């Protein structure tokens, strides 16, 4: 509960096309924020996992079959009509052509381009997060000491605030200090998965090696990796 308001759990899908464009839908007439653009998804029913709820919702709303989705972000948002906990998953494989079953408009949007307007408030930070690269160039520890206190990090001419975190407590502090994303040291996969379990900002970790490293670590919930391929 948030005061007297129940927390409504919602599964949200970031359906990613091969060219990195993501699917947005506008909210149908009769719903709160009708006409606002959002990432598709819906309420998680009792007994459902986030993944199962998302697959069901996207099947009902868009007539697509989710083959694989991976965890990404979790954060709360207080709307006038509901207090929601948003579980974002990136949908990396699906079958079918997205079809607007509820009469909504659909568009594939390239991150970094001007977003459709109006955009649902909770979707705004997510649109910016999607501009972050899969592979991150990160200075050596000698150049930037590990610190929860965010410092400036420039990516393609854009200013970001980045922290280094080792555990959930430090991650919470980084978020409170307005970090845009965080980088972890090399941790065991179970530790990374736990850290990613409810992160409201994108997380990066060092490249563990292997041709499937990025896919493997994204299944834990990481946004991307720090490593040599950042310069490719």
C-alpha atoms as a PDB file:
ATOM      1  CA  UNK A   1       0.000   0.000   0.000  1.00  0.00           C
ATOM      2  CA  UNK A   2       1.007   3.650  -0.584  1.00  0.00           C
ATOM      3  CA  UNK A   3      -0.828   5.429   2.225  1.00  0.00           C
ATOM      4  CA  UNK A   4      -4.415   4.366   1.636  1.00  0.00           C
ATOM      5  CA  UNK A   5      -3.884   3.447  -2.008  1.00  0.00           C
ATOM      6  CA  UNK A   6      -3.338  -0.126  -3.195  1.00  0.00           C
ATOM      7  CA  UNK A   7      -0.313  -0.860  -5.375  1.00  0.00           C
ATOM      8  CA  UNK A   8      -1.457  -2.155  -8.772  1.00  0.00           C
ATOM      9  CA  UNK A   9       1.193  -4.415 -10.397  1.00  0.00           C
ATOM     10  CA  UNK A  10       1.470  -3.903 -14.147  1.00  0.00           C
ATOM     11  CA  UNK A  11       3.513  -5.799 -16.742  1.00  0.00           C
ATOM     12  CA  UNK A  12       4.867  -3.501 -19.460  1.00  0.00           C
ATOM     13  CA  UNK A  13       6.389  -4.654 -22.733  1.00  0.00           C
ATOM     14  CA  UNK A  14       9.171  -2.873 -24.592  1.00  0.00           C
ATOM     15  CA  UNK A  15       8.739  -4.667 -27.922  1.00  0.00           C
ATOM     16  CA  UNK A  16      12.069  -4.187 -29.706  1.00  0.00           C
ATOM     17  CA  UNK A  17      12.427  -4.523 -33.466  1.00  0.00           C
ATOM     18  CA  UNK A  18      15.717  -5.518 -35.144  1.00  0.00           C
ATOM     19  CA  UNK A  19      16.444  -1.852 -35.943  1.00  0.00           C
ATOM     20  CA  UNK A  20      16.036  -0.965 -32.212  1.00  0.00           C
ATOM     21  CA  UNK A  21      12.677   0.732 -32.786  1.00  0.00           C
ATOM     22  CA  UNK A  22      10.172   0.083 -29.982  1.00  0.00           C
ATOM     23  CA  UNK A  23       6.420  -0.336 -30.187  1.00  0.00           C
ATOM     24  CA  UNK A  24       4.145   2.347 -28.728  1.00  0.00           C
ATOM     25  CA  UNK A  25       0.347   2.392 -28.564  1.00  0.00           C
ATOM     26  CA  UNK A  26      -2.055   5.166 -27.669  1.00  0.00           C
ATOM     27  CA  UNK A  27      -4.620   4.597 -24.946  1.00  0.00           C
ATOM     28  CA  UNK A  28      -8.170   3.972 -26.238  1.00  0.00           C
ATOM     29  CA  UNK A  29     -11.119   6.260 -25.562  1.00  0.00           C
ATOM     30  CA  UNK A  30     -12.769   5.591 -22.231  1.00  0.00           C
ATOM     31  CA  UNK A  31      -9.527   4.875 -20.363  1.00  0.00           C
ATOM     32  CA  UNK A  32      -7.620   7.234 -18.104  1.00  0.00           C
ATOM     33  CA  UNK A  33      -5.165   9.305 -20.168  1.00  0.00           C
ATOM     34  CA  UNK A  34      -7.007   8.413 -23.382  1.00  0.00           C
ATOM     35  CA  UNK A  35      -4.949   9.407 -26.417  1.00  0.00           C
ATOM     36  CA  UNK A  36      -1.620   9.312 -24.554  1.00  0.00           C
ATOM     37  CA  UNK A  37       1.118   7.103 -25.987  1.00  0.00           C
ATOM     38  CA  UNK A  38       2.499   4.275 -23.859  1.00  0.00           C
ATOM     39  CA  UNK A  39       4.306   0.961 -23.926  1.00  0.00           C
ATOM     40  CA  UNK A  40       1.734  -1.866 -24.180  1.00  0.00           C
ATOM     41  CA  UNK A  41       0.925  -4.132 -21.259  1.00  0.00           C
ATOM     42  CA  UNK A  42      -1.556  -4.557 -18.461  1.00  0.00           C
ATOM     43  CA  UNK A  43      -2.370  -5.605 -14.928  1.00  0.00           C
ATOM     44  CA  UNK A  44      -0.722  -8.708 -13.462  1.00  0.00           C
ATOM     45  CA  UNK A  45      -3.409 -11.066 -12.207  1.00  0.00           C
ATOM     46  CA  UNK A  46      -3.068 -12.964  -8.959  1.00  0.00           C
ATOM     47  CA  UNK A  47      -0.831 -16.017  -9.380  1.00  0.00           C
ATOM     48  CA  UNK A  48       0.760 -14.774 -12.617  1.00  0.00           C
ATOM     49  CA  UNK A  49       4.434 -14.144 -13.149  1.00  0.00           C
ATOM     50  CA  UNK A  50       5.377 -10.898 -14.854  1.00  0.00           C
ATOM     51  CA  UNK A  51       6.440 -12.774 -17.973  1.00  0.00           C
ATOM     52  CA  UNK A  52       3.207 -14.735 -18.213  1.00  0.00           C
ATOM     53  CA  UNK A  53       1.082 -11.635 -17.602  1.00  0.00           C
ATOM     54  CA  UNK A  54       2.929  -9.724 -20.302  1.00  0.00           C
ATOM     55  CA  UNK A  55       2.578 -12.532 -22.838  1.00  0.00           C
ATOM     56  CA  UNK A  56      -1.150 -12.749 -22.103  1.00  0.00           C
ATOM     57  CA  UNK A  57      -1.673  -8.989 -22.353  1.00  0.00           C
ATOM     58  CA  UNK A  58       0.236  -8.628 -25.619  1.00  0.00           C
ATOM     59  CA  UNK A  59      -1.654 -11.549 -27.075  1.00  0.00           C
ATOM     60  CA  UNK A  60      -4.991 -10.006 -26.102  1.00  0.00           C
ATOM     61  CA  UNK A  61      -4.142  -6.405 -27.071  1.00  0.00           C
ATOM     62  CA  UNK A  62      -1.903  -6.890 -30.098  1.00  0.00           C
ATOM     63  CA  UNK A  63      -2.387 -10.471 -31.301  1.00  0.00           C
ATOM     64  CA  UNK A  64       1.324 -11.248 -31.050  1.00  0.00           C
ATOM     65  CA  UNK A  65       2.917 -14.289 -29.433  1.00  0.00           C
ATOM     66  CA  UNK A  66       5.826 -13.526 -27.131  1.00  0.00           C
ATOM     67  CA  UNK A  67       8.685 -15.991 -27.648  1.00  0.00           C
ATOM     68  CA  UNK A  68      11.168 -14.369 -25.271  1.00  0.00           C
ATOM     69  CA  UNK A  69      11.110 -11.377 -22.947  1.00  0.00           C
ATOM     70  CA  UNK A  70      13.757 -10.355 -20.425  1.00  0.00           C
ATOM     71  CA  UNK A  71      13.478  -8.291 -17.221  1.00  0.00           C
ATOM     72  CA  UNK A  72      14.673  -4.706 -17.299  1.00  0.00           C
ATOM     73  CA  UNK A  73      13.260  -2.042 -14.927  1.00  0.00           C
ATOM     74  CA  UNK A  74      10.812  -1.809 -12.037  1.00  0.00           C
ATOM     75  CA  UNK A  75       9.481   1.412 -10.555  1.00  0.00           C
ATOM     76  CA  UNK A  76       6.362   2.884  -8.972  1.00  0.00           C
ATOM     77  CA  UNK A  77       4.310   5.714 -10.423  1.00  0.00           C
ATOM     78  CA  UNK A  78       1.531   7.632  -8.710  1.00  0.00           C
ATOM     79  CA  UNK A  79      -1.231   8.491 -11.187  1.00  0.00           C
ATOM     80  CA  UNK A  80      -4.440  10.275 -10.126  1.00  0.00           C
ATOM     81  CA  UNK A  81      -6.437   7.165 -11.041  1.00  0.00           C
ATOM     82  CA  UNK A  82      -4.049   4.494  -9.671  1.00  0.00           C
ATOM     83  CA  UNK A  83      -0.761   3.880  -7.890  1.00  0.00           C
ATOM     84  CA  UNK A  84       1.061   1.401 -10.123  1.00  0.00           C
ATOM     85  CA  UNK A  85       4.191  -0.712  -9.880  1.00  0.00           C
ATOM     86  CA  UNK A  86       5.518  -1.046 -13.409  1.00  0.00           C
ATOM     87  CA  UNK A  87       7.508  -4.149 -14.329  1.00  0.00           C
ATOM     88  CA  UNK A  88       9.199  -3.433 -17.652  1.00  0.00           C
ATOM     89  CA  UNK A  89      10.380  -6.343 -19.767  1.00  0.00           C
ATOM     90  CA  UNK A  90      12.104  -6.116 -23.142  1.00  0.00           C
ATOM     91  CA  UNK A  91      10.390  -8.352 -25.679  1.00  0.00           C
ATOM     92  CA  UNK A  92      13.213  -9.531 -27.911  1.00  0.00           C
ATOM     93  CA  UNK A  93      11.434 -12.287 -29.859  1.00  0.00           C
ATOM     94  CA  UNK A  94       7.811 -12.552 -30.928  1.00  0.00           C
ATOM     95  CA  UNK A  95       5.606 -13.960 -33.693  1.00  0.00           C
ATOM     96  CA  UNK A  96       2.875 -12.130 -35.558  1.00  0.00           C
ATOM     97  CA  UNK A  97       2.167  -8.594 -36.680  1.00  0.00           C
ATOM     98  CA  UNK A  98       1.031  -6.154 -33.969  1.00  0.00           C
ATOM     99  CA  UNK A  99      -2.677  -5.517 -34.559  1.00  0.00           C
ATOM    100  CA  UNK A 100      -4.715  -2.875 -32.653  1.00  0.00           C
ATOM    101  CA  UNK A 101      -7.456  -5.083 -31.216  1.00  0.00           C
ATOM    102  CA  UNK A 102      -8.863  -2.253 -29.026  1.00  0.00           C
ATOM    103  CA  UNK A 103      -8.817   0.373 -31.770  1.00  0.00           C
ATOM    104  CA  UNK A 104      -5.602   1.965 -30.530  1.00  0.00           C
ATOM    105  CA  UNK A 105      -3.004   3.474 -32.842  1.00  0.00           C
ATOM    106  CA  UNK A 106       0.387   1.766 -33.076  1.00  0.00           C
ATOM    107  CA  UNK A 107       3.792   3.065 -34.084  1.00  0.00           C
ATOM    108  CA  UNK A 108       7.371   1.771 -33.979  1.00  0.00           C
ATOM    109  CA  UNK A 109       9.538   4.549 -32.558  1.00  0.00           C
ATOM    110  CA  UNK A 110      13.313   4.935 -32.863  1.00  0.00           C
ATOM    111  CA  UNK A 111      14.896   5.932 -29.528  1.00  0.00           C
ATOM    112  CA  UNK A 112      16.430   9.389 -29.779  1.00  0.00           C
ATOM    113  CA  UNK A 113      13.883  10.645 -32.291  1.00  0.00           C
ATOM    114  CA  UNK A 114      11.124  13.027 -31.116  1.00  0.00           C
ATOM    115  CA  UNK A 115       8.593  10.924 -29.231  1.00  0.00           C
ATOM    116  CA  UNK A 116       4.886  10.864 -30.090  1.00  0.00           C
ATOM    117  CA  UNK A 117       2.946  13.472 -28.163  1.00  0.00           C
ATOM    118  CA  UNK A 118       1.431  13.329 -25.617  1.00  0.00           C
ATOM    119  CA  UNK A 119       3.506  10.610 -23.951  1.00  0.00           C
ATOM    120  CA  UNK A 120       2.275   8.908 -20.780  1.00  0.00           C
ATOM    121  CA  UNK A 121       4.260  10.392 -17.843  1.00  0.00           C
ATOM    122  CA  UNK A 122       5.708   7.060 -16.665  1.00  0.00           C
ATOM    123  CA  UNK A 123       6.982   6.360 -20.193  1.00  0.00           C
ATOM    124  CA  UNK A 124       9.092   9.521 -20.398  1.00  0.00           C
ATOM    125  CA  UNK A 125      12.154   8.350 -18.405  1.00  0.00           C
ATOM    126  CA  UNK A 126      12.002   4.975 -20.138  1.00  0.00           C
ATOM    127  CA  UNK A 127      12.222   6.614 -23.559  1.00  0.00           C
ATOM    128  CA  UNK A 128      15.480   8.262 -22.490  1.00  0.00           C
ATOM    129  CA  UNK A 129      16.870   5.047 -20.997  1.00  0.00           C
ATOM    130  CA  UNK A 130      16.357   3.383 -24.374  1.00  0.00           C
ATOM    131  CA  UNK A 131      18.952   5.749 -25.842  1.00  0.00           C
ATOM    132  CA  UNK A 132      21.674   4.093 -23.738  1.00  0.00           C
ATOM    133  CA  UNK A 133      23.968   1.751 -25.704  1.00  0.00           C
ATOM    134  CA  UNK A 134      24.223  -2.014 -25.300  1.00  0.00           C
ATOM    135  CA  UNK A 135      27.983  -1.717 -24.796  1.00  0.00           C
ATOM    136  CA  UNK A 136      29.248   1.057 -22.553  1.00  0.00           C
ATOM    137  CA  UNK A 137      32.617   2.777 -22.726  1.00  0.00           C
ATOM    138  CA  UNK A 138      33.659   3.242 -19.110  1.00  0.00           C
ATOM    139  CA  UNK A 139      36.874   4.798 -17.744  1.00  0.00           C
ATOM    140  CA  UNK A 140      39.399   2.756 -15.793  1.00  0.00           C
ATOM    141  CA  UNK A 141      39.030   2.749 -12.017  1.00  0.00           C
ATOM    142  CA  UNK A 142      42.116   4.910 -11.721  1.00  0.00           C
ATOM    143  CA  UNK A 143      40.434   7.665 -13.751  1.00  0.00           C
ATOM    144  CA  UNK A 144      37.048   7.561 -12.028  1.00  0.00           C
ATOM    145  CA  UNK A 145      37.021   6.055  -8.518  1.00  0.00           C
ATOM    146  CA  UNK A 146      34.057   3.796  -7.759  1.00  0.00           C
ATOM    147  CA  UNK A 147      31.434   5.963  -6.106  1.00  0.00           C
ATOM    148  CA  UNK A 148      27.707   5.922  -5.458  1.00  0.00           C
ATOM    149  CA  UNK A 149      27.788   9.699  -5.854  1.00  0.00           C
ATOM    150  CA  UNK A 150      26.793  10.248  -9.509  1.00  0.00           C
ATOM    151  CA  UNK A 151      29.314  11.795 -11.851  1.00  0.00           C
ATOM    152  CA  UNK A 152      28.982  13.117 -15.390  1.00  0.00           C
ATOM    153  CA  UNK A 153      29.357  10.607 -18.183  1.00  0.00           C
ATOM    154  CA  UNK A 154      29.033  11.718 -21.806  1.00  0.00           C
ATOM    155  CA  UNK A 155      27.647   9.408 -24.502  1.00  0.00           C
ATOM    156  CA  UNK A 156      27.490  10.668 -28.084  1.00  0.00           C
ATOM    157  CA  UNK A 157      27.464  14.258 -26.865  1.00  0.00           C
ATOM    158  CA  UNK A 158      24.711  13.729 -24.306  1.00  0.00           C
ATOM    159  CA  UNK A 159      25.227  14.207 -20.575  1.00  0.00           C
ATOM    160  CA  UNK A 160      24.268  11.401 -18.211  1.00  0.00           C
ATOM    161  CA  UNK A 161      24.730  10.944 -14.454  1.00  0.00           C
ATOM    162  CA  UNK A 162      26.274   7.580 -13.575  1.00  0.00           C
ATOM    163  CA  UNK A 163      27.033   5.786 -10.313  1.00  0.00           C
ATOM    164  CA  UNK A 164      28.994   2.698  -9.355  1.00  0.00           C
ATOM    165  CA  UNK A 165      27.057   0.339  -7.067  1.00  0.00           C
ATOM    166  CA  UNK A 166      27.753  -3.011  -5.448  1.00  0.00           C
ATOM    167  CA  UNK A 167      24.475  -3.873  -3.726  1.00  0.00           C
ATOM    168  CA  UNK A 168      20.817  -2.915  -3.358  1.00  0.00           C
ATOM    169  CA  UNK A 169      21.514  -0.338  -0.649  1.00  0.00           C
ATOM    170  CA  UNK A 170      23.995   1.508  -2.844  1.00  0.00           C
ATOM    171  CA  UNK A 171      21.623   1.271  -5.795  1.00  0.00           C
ATOM    172  CA  UNK A 172      18.857   2.896  -3.741  1.00  0.00           C
ATOM    173  CA  UNK A 173      21.229   5.690  -2.771  1.00  0.00           C
ATOM    174  CA  UNK A 174      22.262   6.204  -6.395  1.00  0.00           C
ATOM    175  CA  UNK A 175      18.612   6.489  -7.448  1.00  0.00           C
ATOM    176  CA  UNK A 176      17.927   8.964  -4.627  1.00  0.00           C
ATOM    177  CA  UNK A 177      20.892  11.028  -5.886  1.00  0.00           C
ATOM    178  CA  UNK A 178      19.318  11.141  -9.395  1.00  0.00           C
ATOM    179  CA  UNK A 179      21.684   8.752 -11.180  1.00  0.00           C
ATOM    180  CA  UNK A 180      20.502   7.947 -14.704  1.00  0.00           C
ATOM    181  CA  UNK A 181      22.207   4.543 -14.713  1.00  0.00           C
ATOM    182  CA  UNK A 182      24.667   2.532 -12.661  1.00  0.00           C
ATOM    183  CA  UNK A 183      27.658   0.273 -13.254  1.00  0.00           C
ATOM    184  CA  UNK A 184      28.462  -2.704 -11.047  1.00  0.00           C
ATOM    185  CA  UNK A 185      31.794  -4.447 -10.477  1.00  0.00           C
ATOM    186  CA  UNK A 186      32.168  -8.063 -11.522  1.00  0.00           C
ATOM    187  CA  UNK A 187      29.611  -9.967  -9.425  1.00  0.00           C
ATOM    188  CA  UNK A 188      28.331 -13.529  -9.412  1.00  0.00           C
ATOM    189  CA  UNK A 189      25.327 -13.995 -11.689  1.00  0.00           C
ATOM    190  CA  UNK A 190      23.015 -14.687  -8.752  1.00  0.00           C
ATOM    191  CA  UNK A 191      24.088 -11.371  -7.174  1.00  0.00           C
ATOM    192  CA  UNK A 192      23.509  -9.512 -10.421  1.00  0.00           C
ATOM    193  CA  UNK A 193      20.069 -11.070 -10.841  1.00  0.00           C
ATOM    194  CA  UNK A 194      19.123 -10.030  -7.311  1.00  0.00           C
ATOM    195  CA  UNK A 195      20.379  -6.486  -7.894  1.00  0.00           C
ATOM    196  CA  UNK A 196      18.414  -6.284 -11.154  1.00  0.00           C
ATOM    197  CA  UNK A 197      15.265  -7.735  -9.617  1.00  0.00           C
ATOM    198  CA  UNK A 198      13.764  -4.336  -8.784  1.00  0.00           C
ATOM    199  CA  UNK A 199      16.060  -1.710 -10.284  1.00  0.00           C
ATOM    200  CA  UNK A 200      14.385   1.507 -11.470  1.00  0.00           C
ATOM    201  CA  UNK A 201      17.416   2.550 -13.561  1.00  0.00           C
ATOM    202  CA  UNK A 202      19.467   0.654 -16.161  1.00  0.00           C
ATOM    203  CA  UNK A 203      22.410  -1.382 -14.874  1.00  0.00           C
ATOM    204  CA  UNK A 204      25.670  -2.336 -16.580  1.00  0.00           C
ATOM    205  CA  UNK A 205      28.232  -4.950 -15.549  1.00  0.00           C
ATOM    206  CA  UNK A 206      31.663  -5.939 -16.903  1.00  0.00           C
ATOM    207  CA  UNK A 207      31.726  -8.200 -19.954  1.00  0.00           C
ATOM    208  CA  UNK A 208      32.131 -11.774 -18.621  1.00  0.00           C
ATOM    209  CA  UNK A 209      33.301 -13.006 -22.028  1.00  0.00           C
ATOM    210  CA  UNK A 210      31.750 -15.356 -24.538  1.00  0.00           C
ATOM    211  CA  UNK A 211      29.915 -14.754 -27.799  1.00  0.00           C
ATOM    212  CA  UNK A 212      26.535 -14.858 -26.034  1.00  0.00           C
ATOM    213  CA  UNK A 213      27.551 -12.640 -23.106  1.00  0.00           C
ATOM    214  CA  UNK A 214      25.165  -9.774 -23.840  1.00  0.00           C
ATOM    215  CA  UNK A 215      22.118 -12.004 -24.323  1.00  0.00           C
ATOM    216  CA  UNK A 216      23.027 -14.108 -21.300  1.00  0.00           C
ATOM    217  CA  UNK A 217      23.460 -11.158 -18.966  1.00  0.00           C
ATOM    218  CA  UNK A 218      20.346  -9.401 -20.234  1.00  0.00           C
ATOM    219  CA  UNK A 219      18.330 -12.394 -19.130  1.00  0.00           C
ATOM    220  CA  UNK A 220      19.419 -11.463 -15.597  1.00  0.00           C
ATOM    221  CA  UNK A 221      18.001  -7.959 -16.083  1.00  0.00           C
ATOM    222  CA  UNK A 222      21.086  -5.967 -17.073  1.00  0.00           C
ATOM    223  CA  UNK A 223      20.732  -3.201 -19.634  1.00  0.00           C
ATOM    224  CA  UNK A 224      24.132  -3.888 -21.163  1.00  0.00           C
ATOM    225  CA  UNK A 225      27.835  -4.553 -20.632  1.00  0.00           C
ATOM    226  CA  UNK A 226      31.053  -2.663 -20.183  1.00  0.00           C
ATOM    227  CA  UNK A 227      33.739  -4.021 -22.492  1.00  0.00           C
ATOM    228  CA  UNK A 228      35.863  -3.838 -25.602  1.00  0.00           C
ATOM    229  CA  UNK A 229      32.885  -3.985 -27.960  1.00  0.00           C
ATOM    230  CA  UNK A 230      31.817  -0.551 -26.703  1.00  0.00           C
ATOM    231  CA  UNK A 231      34.295   0.916 -29.137  1.00  0.00           C
ATOM    232  CA  UNK A 232      33.176  -1.175 -32.140  1.00  0.00           C
END
